Full PDB file with SEQRES, HELIX, SHEET, SSBOND, CRYST1, ORIGX, SCALE, CONECT and MASTER records, all heavy atoms in Angstrom:
SEQRES   1 A   29  HIS PHE GLN LEU ARG ASP PRO VAL SER LYS PHE ILE PRO          
SEQRES   2 A   29  GLU PHE ALA ALA VAL LYS VAL SER THR THR SER ASP ALA          
SEQRES   3 A   29  SER GLY GLU                                                  
HELIX    1 AA1 VAL A    8  LYS A   10  5                                   3    
HELIX    2 AA2 PRO A   13  ALA A   17  5                                   5    
CRYST1    1.000    1.000    1.000  90.00  90.00  90.00 P 1           1          
ORIGX1      1.000000  0.000000  0.000000        0.00000                         
ORIGX2      0.000000  1.000000  0.000000        0.00000                         
ORIGX3      0.000000  0.000000  1.000000        0.00000                         
SCALE1      1.000000  0.000000  0.000000        0.00000                         
SCALE2      0.000000  1.000000  0.000000        0.00000                         
SCALE3      0.000000  0.000000  1.000000        0.00000                         
ATOM      1  N   HIS A   1     191.591 186.558 132.933  1.00  0.00           N  
ATOM      2  CA  HIS A   1     192.048 187.319 131.752  1.00  0.00           C  
ATOM      3  C   HIS A   1     190.908 187.678 130.818  1.00  0.00           C  
ATOM      4  O   HIS A   1     190.982 188.648 130.060  1.00  0.00           O  
ATOM      5  CB  HIS A   1     193.094 186.681 131.144  1.00  0.00           C  
ATOM      6  CG  HIS A   1     194.409 186.498 131.808  1.00  0.00           C  
ATOM      7  ND1 HIS A   1     195.290 187.605 132.076  1.00  0.00           N  
ATOM      8  CD2 HIS A   1     194.991 185.419 132.369  1.00  0.00           C  
ATOM      9  CE1 HIS A   1     196.249 187.156 132.763  1.00  0.00           C  
ATOM     10  NE2 HIS A   1     196.141 185.872 132.957  1.00  0.00           N  
ATOM     11  N   PHE A   2     189.843 186.985 130.858  1.00  0.00           N  
ATOM     12  CA  PHE A   2     188.761 187.206 129.893  1.00  0.00           C  
ATOM     13  C   PHE A   2     187.464 186.459 130.396  1.00  0.00           C  
ATOM     14  O   PHE A   2     187.607 185.742 131.320  1.00  0.00           O  
ATOM     15  CB  PHE A   2     189.108 186.845 128.503  1.00  0.00           C  
ATOM     16  CG  PHE A   2     189.259 185.278 128.342  1.00  0.00           C  
ATOM     17  CD1 PHE A   2     188.270 184.487 128.071  1.00  0.00           C  
ATOM     18  CD2 PHE A   2     190.483 184.671 128.639  1.00  0.00           C  
ATOM     19  CE1 PHE A   2     188.367 183.026 127.937  1.00  0.00           C  
ATOM     20  CE2 PHE A   2     190.716 183.321 128.568  1.00  0.00           C  
ATOM     21  CZ  PHE A   2     189.640 182.543 128.209  1.00  0.00           C  
ATOM     22  N   GLN A   3     186.386 186.855 129.679  1.00  0.00           N  
ATOM     23  CA  GLN A   3     185.071 186.103 129.854  1.00  0.00           C  
ATOM     24  C   GLN A   3     184.744 185.330 128.605  1.00  0.00           C  
ATOM     25  O   GLN A   3     185.079 185.744 127.590  1.00  0.00           O  
ATOM     26  CB  GLN A   3     183.927 187.036 130.265  1.00  0.00           C  
ATOM     27  CG  GLN A   3     184.187 187.728 131.707  1.00  0.00           C  
ATOM     28  CD  GLN A   3     184.112 186.661 132.766  1.00  0.00           C  
ATOM     29  OE1 GLN A   3     183.439 185.607 132.812  1.00  0.00           O  
ATOM     30  NE2 GLN A   3     185.092 186.833 133.720  1.00  0.00           N  
ATOM     31  N   LEU A   4     184.052 184.266 128.785  1.00  0.00           N  
ATOM     32  CA  LEU A   4     183.739 183.436 127.566  1.00  0.00           C  
ATOM     33  C   LEU A   4     182.869 184.160 126.517  1.00  0.00           C  
ATOM     34  O   LEU A   4     182.961 183.874 125.329  1.00  0.00           O  
ATOM     35  CB  LEU A   4     183.061 182.108 128.027  1.00  0.00           C  
ATOM     36  CG  LEU A   4     184.027 181.176 128.674  1.00  0.00           C  
ATOM     37  CD1 LEU A   4     183.164 179.990 129.258  1.00  0.00           C  
ATOM     38  CD2 LEU A   4     185.104 180.640 127.863  1.00  0.00           C  
ATOM     39  N   ARG A   5     182.054 185.137 126.940  1.00  0.00           N  
ATOM     40  CA  ARG A   5     181.245 185.981 126.152  1.00  0.00           C  
ATOM     41  C   ARG A   5     181.972 187.215 125.483  1.00  0.00           C  
ATOM     42  O   ARG A   5     181.413 187.882 124.667  1.00  0.00           O  
ATOM     43  CB  ARG A   5     179.998 186.399 126.749  1.00  0.00           C  
ATOM     44  CG  ARG A   5     179.017 185.225 127.113  1.00  0.00           C  
ATOM     45  CD  ARG A   5     177.700 185.777 127.716  1.00  0.00           C  
ATOM     46  NE  ARG A   5     176.836 184.721 128.074  1.00  0.00           N  
ATOM     47  CZ  ARG A   5     175.926 184.137 127.435  1.00  0.00           C  
ATOM     48  NH1 ARG A   5     175.816 184.552 126.109  1.00  0.00           N  
ATOM     49  NH2 ARG A   5     175.128 183.243 127.861  1.00  0.00           N  
ATOM     50  N   ASP A   6     183.240 187.401 125.888  1.00  0.00           N  
ATOM     51  CA  ASP A   6     183.974 188.490 125.319  1.00  0.00           C  
ATOM     52  C   ASP A   6     184.153 188.308 123.782  1.00  0.00           C  
ATOM     53  O   ASP A   6     184.295 187.262 123.257  1.00  0.00           O  
ATOM     54  CB  ASP A   6     185.368 188.624 125.959  1.00  0.00           C  
ATOM     55  CG  ASP A   6     185.343 189.183 127.280  1.00  0.00           C  
ATOM     56  OD1 ASP A   6     184.302 189.766 127.761  1.00  0.00           O  
ATOM     57  OD2 ASP A   6     186.427 189.062 128.034  1.00  0.00           O  
ATOM     58  N   PRO A   7     183.990 189.475 123.047  1.00  0.00           N  
ATOM     59  CA  PRO A   7     184.276 189.353 121.620  1.00  0.00           C  
ATOM     60  C   PRO A   7     185.761 189.056 121.335  1.00  0.00           C  
ATOM     61  O   PRO A   7     186.648 189.499 122.085  1.00  0.00           O  
ATOM     62  CB  PRO A   7     183.892 190.691 121.094  1.00  0.00           C  
ATOM     63  CG  PRO A   7     184.113 191.608 122.240  1.00  0.00           C  
ATOM     64  CD  PRO A   7     183.720 190.802 123.444  1.00  0.00           C  
ATOM     65  N   VAL A   8     186.050 188.246 120.384  1.00  0.00           N  
ATOM     66  CA  VAL A   8     187.359 187.880 119.979  1.00  0.00           C  
ATOM     67  C   VAL A   8     188.111 189.137 119.536  1.00  0.00           C  
ATOM     68  O   VAL A   8     189.357 189.298 119.835  1.00  0.00           O  
ATOM     69  CB  VAL A   8     187.368 186.844 118.822  1.00  0.00           C  
ATOM     70  CG1 VAL A   8     188.770 186.531 118.323  1.00  0.00           C  
ATOM     71  CG2 VAL A   8     186.741 185.523 119.251  1.00  0.00           C  
ATOM     72  N   SER A   9     187.411 190.090 118.980  1.00  0.00           N  
ATOM     73  CA  SER A   9     188.104 191.311 118.546  1.00  0.00           C  
ATOM     74  C   SER A   9     188.615 192.197 119.734  1.00  0.00           C  
ATOM     75  O   SER A   9     189.448 193.068 119.452  1.00  0.00           O  
ATOM     76  CB  SER A   9     187.064 192.128 117.767  1.00  0.00           C  
ATOM     77  OG  SER A   9     185.976 192.521 118.633  1.00  0.00           O  
ATOM     78  N   LYS A  10     188.247 191.798 120.925  1.00  0.00           N  
ATOM     79  CA  LYS A  10     188.919 192.503 122.095  1.00  0.00           C  
ATOM     80  C   LYS A  10     190.421 192.230 122.150  1.00  0.00           C  
ATOM     81  O   LYS A  10     191.209 193.143 122.526  1.00  0.00           O  
ATOM     82  CB  LYS A  10     188.202 192.067 123.337  1.00  0.00           C  
ATOM     83  CG  LYS A  10     188.880 192.610 124.621  1.00  0.00           C  
ATOM     84  CD  LYS A  10     188.058 192.040 125.827  1.00  0.00           C  
ATOM     85  CE  LYS A  10     188.692 192.589 127.127  1.00  0.00           C  
ATOM     86  NZ  LYS A  10     187.900 192.068 128.328  1.00  0.00           N  
ATOM     87  N   PHE A  11     190.850 190.993 121.636  1.00  0.00           N  
ATOM     88  CA  PHE A  11     192.258 190.633 121.716  1.00  0.00           C  
ATOM     89  C   PHE A  11     192.854 190.617 120.304  1.00  0.00           C  
ATOM     90  O   PHE A  11     193.996 190.779 120.112  1.00  0.00           O  
ATOM     91  CB  PHE A  11     192.371 189.222 122.318  1.00  0.00           C  
ATOM     92  CG  PHE A  11     191.947 189.323 123.815  1.00  0.00           C  
ATOM     93  CD1 PHE A  11     190.673 188.902 124.087  1.00  0.00           C  
ATOM     94  CD2 PHE A  11     192.865 189.591 124.817  1.00  0.00           C  
ATOM     95  CE1 PHE A  11     190.206 188.852 125.445  1.00  0.00           C  
ATOM     96  CE2 PHE A  11     192.474 189.589 126.108  1.00  0.00           C  
ATOM     97  CZ  PHE A  11     191.151 189.195 126.380  1.00  0.00           C  
ATOM     98  N   ILE A  12     191.960 190.436 119.230  1.00  0.00           N  
ATOM     99  CA  ILE A  12     192.364 190.317 117.789  1.00  0.00           C  
ATOM    100  C   ILE A  12     191.568 191.291 117.057  1.00  0.00           C  
ATOM    101  O   ILE A  12     190.418 190.951 116.517  1.00  0.00           O  
ATOM    102  CB  ILE A  12     192.334 188.868 117.264  1.00  0.00           C  
ATOM    103  CG1 ILE A  12     193.048 187.868 118.201  1.00  0.00           C  
ATOM    104  CG2 ILE A  12     193.051 188.842 115.905  1.00  0.00           C  
ATOM    105  CD1 ILE A  12     192.890 186.458 117.749  1.00  0.00           C  
ATOM    106  N   PRO A  13     191.894 192.584 116.943  1.00  0.00           N  
ATOM    107  CA  PRO A  13     191.060 193.578 116.332  1.00  0.00           C  
ATOM    108  C   PRO A  13     190.598 193.365 114.945  1.00  0.00           C  
ATOM    109  O   PRO A  13     189.617 193.768 114.535  1.00  0.00           O  
ATOM    110  CB  PRO A  13     191.962 194.805 116.450  1.00  0.00           C  
ATOM    111  CG  PRO A  13     192.877 194.575 117.607  1.00  0.00           C  
ATOM    112  CD  PRO A  13     193.128 193.115 117.572  1.00  0.00           C  
ATOM    113  N   GLU A  14     191.387 192.512 114.202  1.00  0.00           N  
ATOM    114  CA  GLU A  14     191.011 192.219 112.818  1.00  0.00           C  
ATOM    115  C   GLU A  14     189.646 191.494 112.715  1.00  0.00           C  
ATOM    116  O   GLU A  14     189.003 191.589 111.668  1.00  0.00           O  
ATOM    117  CB  GLU A  14     192.049 191.336 112.186  1.00  0.00           C  
ATOM    118  CG  GLU A  14     193.399 191.983 111.954  1.00  0.00           C  
ATOM    119  CD  GLU A  14     194.508 191.028 111.795  1.00  0.00           C  
ATOM    120  OE1 GLU A  14     194.978 190.423 112.763  1.00  0.00           O  
ATOM    121  OE2 GLU A  14     195.147 191.021 110.632  1.00  0.00           O  
ATOM    122  N   PHE A  15     189.182 190.848 113.684  1.00  0.00           N  
ATOM    123  CA  PHE A  15     187.873 190.207 113.708  1.00  0.00           C  
ATOM    124  C   PHE A  15     186.710 191.098 113.851  1.00  0.00           C  
ATOM    125  O   PHE A  15     185.573 190.723 113.665  1.00  0.00           O  
ATOM    126  CB  PHE A  15     187.891 189.054 114.748  1.00  0.00           C  
ATOM    127  CG  PHE A  15     188.521 187.766 114.266  1.00  0.00           C  
ATOM    128  CD1 PHE A  15     189.818 187.432 114.708  1.00  0.00           C  
ATOM    129  CD2 PHE A  15     187.887 186.920 113.348  1.00  0.00           C  
ATOM    130  CE1 PHE A  15     190.414 186.286 114.195  1.00  0.00           C  
ATOM    131  CE2 PHE A  15     188.466 185.775 112.931  1.00  0.00           C  
ATOM    132  CZ  PHE A  15     189.811 185.425 113.326  1.00  0.00           C  
ATOM    133  N   ALA A  16     186.977 192.372 114.153  1.00  0.00           N  
ATOM    134  CA  ALA A  16     185.893 193.385 114.292  1.00  0.00           C  
ATOM    135  C   ALA A  16     185.263 193.640 112.863  1.00  0.00           C  
ATOM    136  O   ALA A  16     184.175 194.105 112.828  1.00  0.00           O  
ATOM    137  CB  ALA A  16     186.396 194.728 114.906  1.00  0.00           C  
ATOM    138  N   ALA A  17     186.049 193.485 111.890  1.00  0.00           N  
ATOM    139  CA  ALA A  17     185.599 193.866 110.498  1.00  0.00           C  
ATOM    140  C   ALA A  17     185.041 192.702 109.713  1.00  0.00           C  
ATOM    141  O   ALA A  17     184.660 192.862 108.555  1.00  0.00           O  
ATOM    142  CB  ALA A  17     186.669 194.534 109.732  1.00  0.00           C  
ATOM    143  N   VAL A  18     184.900 191.440 110.343  1.00  0.00           N  
ATOM    144  CA  VAL A  18     184.569 190.363 109.604  1.00  0.00           C  
ATOM    145  C   VAL A  18     183.020 190.415 109.072  1.00  0.00           C  
ATOM    146  O   VAL A  18     182.185 191.079 109.711  1.00  0.00           O  
ATOM    147  CB  VAL A  18     184.598 189.014 110.476  1.00  0.00           C  
ATOM    148  CG1 VAL A  18     183.584 188.974 111.571  1.00  0.00           C  
ATOM    149  CG2 VAL A  18     184.659 187.797 109.629  1.00  0.00           C  
ATOM    150  N   LYS A  19     182.746 189.849 107.895  1.00  0.00           N  
ATOM    151  CA  LYS A  19     181.449 189.729 107.272  1.00  0.00           C  
ATOM    152  C   LYS A  19     180.945 188.312 107.177  1.00  0.00           C  
ATOM    153  O   LYS A  19     181.822 187.385 107.210  1.00  0.00           O  
ATOM    154  CB  LYS A  19     181.466 190.495 105.906  1.00  0.00           C  
ATOM    155  CG  LYS A  19     181.805 191.875 105.971  1.00  0.00           C  
ATOM    156  CD  LYS A  19     180.742 192.782 106.634  1.00  0.00           C  
ATOM    157  CE  LYS A  19     181.100 194.183 106.444  1.00  0.00           C  
ATOM    158  NZ  LYS A  19     180.991 195.035 107.307  1.00  0.00           N  
ATOM    159  N   VAL A  20     179.644 188.150 106.922  1.00  0.00           N  
ATOM    160  CA  VAL A  20     179.125 186.857 106.645  1.00  0.00           C  
ATOM    161  C   VAL A  20     178.606 186.667 105.299  1.00  0.00           C  
ATOM    162  O   VAL A  20     178.021 187.667 104.745  1.00  0.00           O  
ATOM    163  CB  VAL A  20     177.923 186.664 107.633  1.00  0.00           C  
ATOM    164  CG1 VAL A  20     177.300 185.198 107.561  1.00  0.00           C  
ATOM    165  CG2 VAL A  20     178.250 186.855 109.085  1.00  0.00           C  
ATOM    166  N   SER A  21     178.975 185.575 104.714  1.00  0.00           N  
ATOM    167  CA  SER A  21     178.585 185.355 103.343  1.00  0.00           C  
ATOM    168  C   SER A  21     177.162 184.721 103.282  1.00  0.00           C  
ATOM    169  O   SER A  21     176.741 183.860 104.242  1.00  0.00           O  
ATOM    170  CB  SER A  21     179.432 184.268 102.634  1.00  0.00           C  
ATOM    171  OG  SER A  21     178.902 183.795 101.481  1.00  0.00           O  
ATOM    172  N   THR A  22     176.324 185.154 102.345  1.00  0.00           N  
ATOM    173  CA  THR A  22     174.983 184.554 102.266  1.00  0.00           C  
ATOM    174  C   THR A  22     175.019 183.175 101.584  1.00  0.00           C  
ATOM    175  O   THR A  22     173.943 182.500 101.430  1.00  0.00           O  
ATOM    176  CB  THR A  22     174.118 185.464 101.503  1.00  0.00           C  
ATOM    177  OG1 THR A  22     174.674 185.785 100.247  1.00  0.00           O  
ATOM    178  CG2 THR A  22     173.915 186.848 102.194  1.00  0.00           C  
ATOM    179  N   THR A  23     176.098 182.709 101.075  1.00  0.00           N  
ATOM    180  CA  THR A  23     176.356 181.478 100.480  1.00  0.00           C  
ATOM    181  C   THR A  23     177.004 180.522 101.406  1.00  0.00           C  
ATOM    182  O   THR A  23     178.217 180.709 101.696  1.00  0.00           O  
ATOM    183  CB  THR A  23     177.039 181.524  99.120  1.00  0.00           C  
ATOM    184  OG1 THR A  23     176.217 182.363  98.259  1.00  0.00           O  
ATOM    185  CG2 THR A  23     177.130 180.131  98.450  1.00  0.00           C  
ATOM    186  N   SER A  24     176.382 179.557 101.917  1.00  0.00           N  
ATOM    187  CA  SER A  24     177.137 178.591 102.793  1.00  0.00           C  
ATOM    188  C   SER A  24     176.927 177.117 102.308  1.00  0.00           C  
ATOM    189  O   SER A  24     176.961 176.187 103.114  1.00  0.00           O  
ATOM    190  CB  SER A  24     176.649 178.646 104.304  1.00  0.00           C  
ATOM    191  OG  SER A  24     175.233 178.462 104.391  1.00  0.00           O  
ATOM    192  N   ASP A  25     176.612 176.978 100.974  1.00  0.00           N  
ATOM    193  CA  ASP A  25     176.407 175.664 100.560  1.00  0.00           C  
ATOM    194  C   ASP A  25     177.629 175.124  99.961  1.00  0.00           C  
ATOM    195  O   ASP A  25     178.705 175.592 100.209  1.00  0.00           O  
ATOM    196  CB  ASP A  25     175.318 175.676  99.315  1.00  0.00           C  
ATOM    197  CG  ASP A  25     175.625 176.690  98.244  1.00  0.00           C  
ATOM    198  OD1 ASP A  25     176.876 176.918  98.052  1.00  0.00           O  
ATOM    199  OD2 ASP A  25     174.693 177.125  97.515  1.00  0.00           O  
ATOM    200  N   ALA A  26     177.484 173.994  99.212  1.00  0.00           N  
ATOM    201  CA  ALA A  26     178.750 173.235  98.716  1.00  0.00           C  
ATOM    202  C   ALA A  26     179.332 173.834  97.522  1.00  0.00           C  
ATOM    203  O   ALA A  26     180.224 173.317  96.898  1.00  0.00           O  
ATOM    204  CB  ALA A  26     178.421 171.738  98.562  1.00  0.00           C  
ATOM    205  N   SER A  27     178.790 174.979  96.988  1.00  0.00           N  
ATOM    206  CA  SER A  27     179.334 175.590  95.816  1.00  0.00           C  
ATOM    207  C   SER A  27     180.788 176.050  95.867  1.00  0.00           C  
ATOM    208  O   SER A  27     181.401 176.127  94.936  1.00  0.00           O  
ATOM    209  CB  SER A  27     178.429 176.722  95.348  1.00  0.00           C  
ATOM    210  OG  SER A  27     178.539 177.786  96.232  1.00  0.00           O  
ATOM    211  N   GLY A  28     181.076 176.497  97.096  1.00  0.00           N  
ATOM    212  CA  GLY A  28     182.432 176.970  97.268  1.00  0.00           C  
ATOM    213  C   GLY A  28     182.484 178.449  97.009  1.00  0.00           C  
ATOM    214  O   GLY A  28     183.555 179.135  97.193  1.00  0.00           O  
ATOM    215  N   GLU A  29     181.442 179.037  96.570  1.00  0.00           N  
ATOM    216  CA  GLU A  29     181.384 180.460  96.173  1.00  0.00           C  
ATOM    217  C   GLU A  29     181.066 181.359  97.328  1.00  0.00           C  
ATOM    218  O   GLU A  29     180.349 180.924  98.291  1.00  0.00           O  
ATOM    219  CB  GLU A  29     180.443 180.679  95.039  1.00  0.00           C  
ATOM    220  CG  GLU A  29     180.699 179.896  93.758  1.00  0.00           C  
ATOM    221  CD  GLU A  29     179.704 180.011  92.628  1.00  0.00           C  
ATOM    222  OE1 GLU A  29     178.689 180.700  92.999  1.00  0.00           O  
ATOM    223  OE2 GLU A  29     179.853 179.510  91.606  1.00  0.00           O  
TER     224      GLU A  29                                                      
MASTER        0    0    0    2    0    0    0    6  223    1    0    3          
END                                                                             
């Protein structure tokens, strides 16, 4: 049904628009 390298958005389109935060520390921000 799929390959392990397939993008998740192939099945769940909402993940195509995801962004990455430049803050990944313990601030919570």
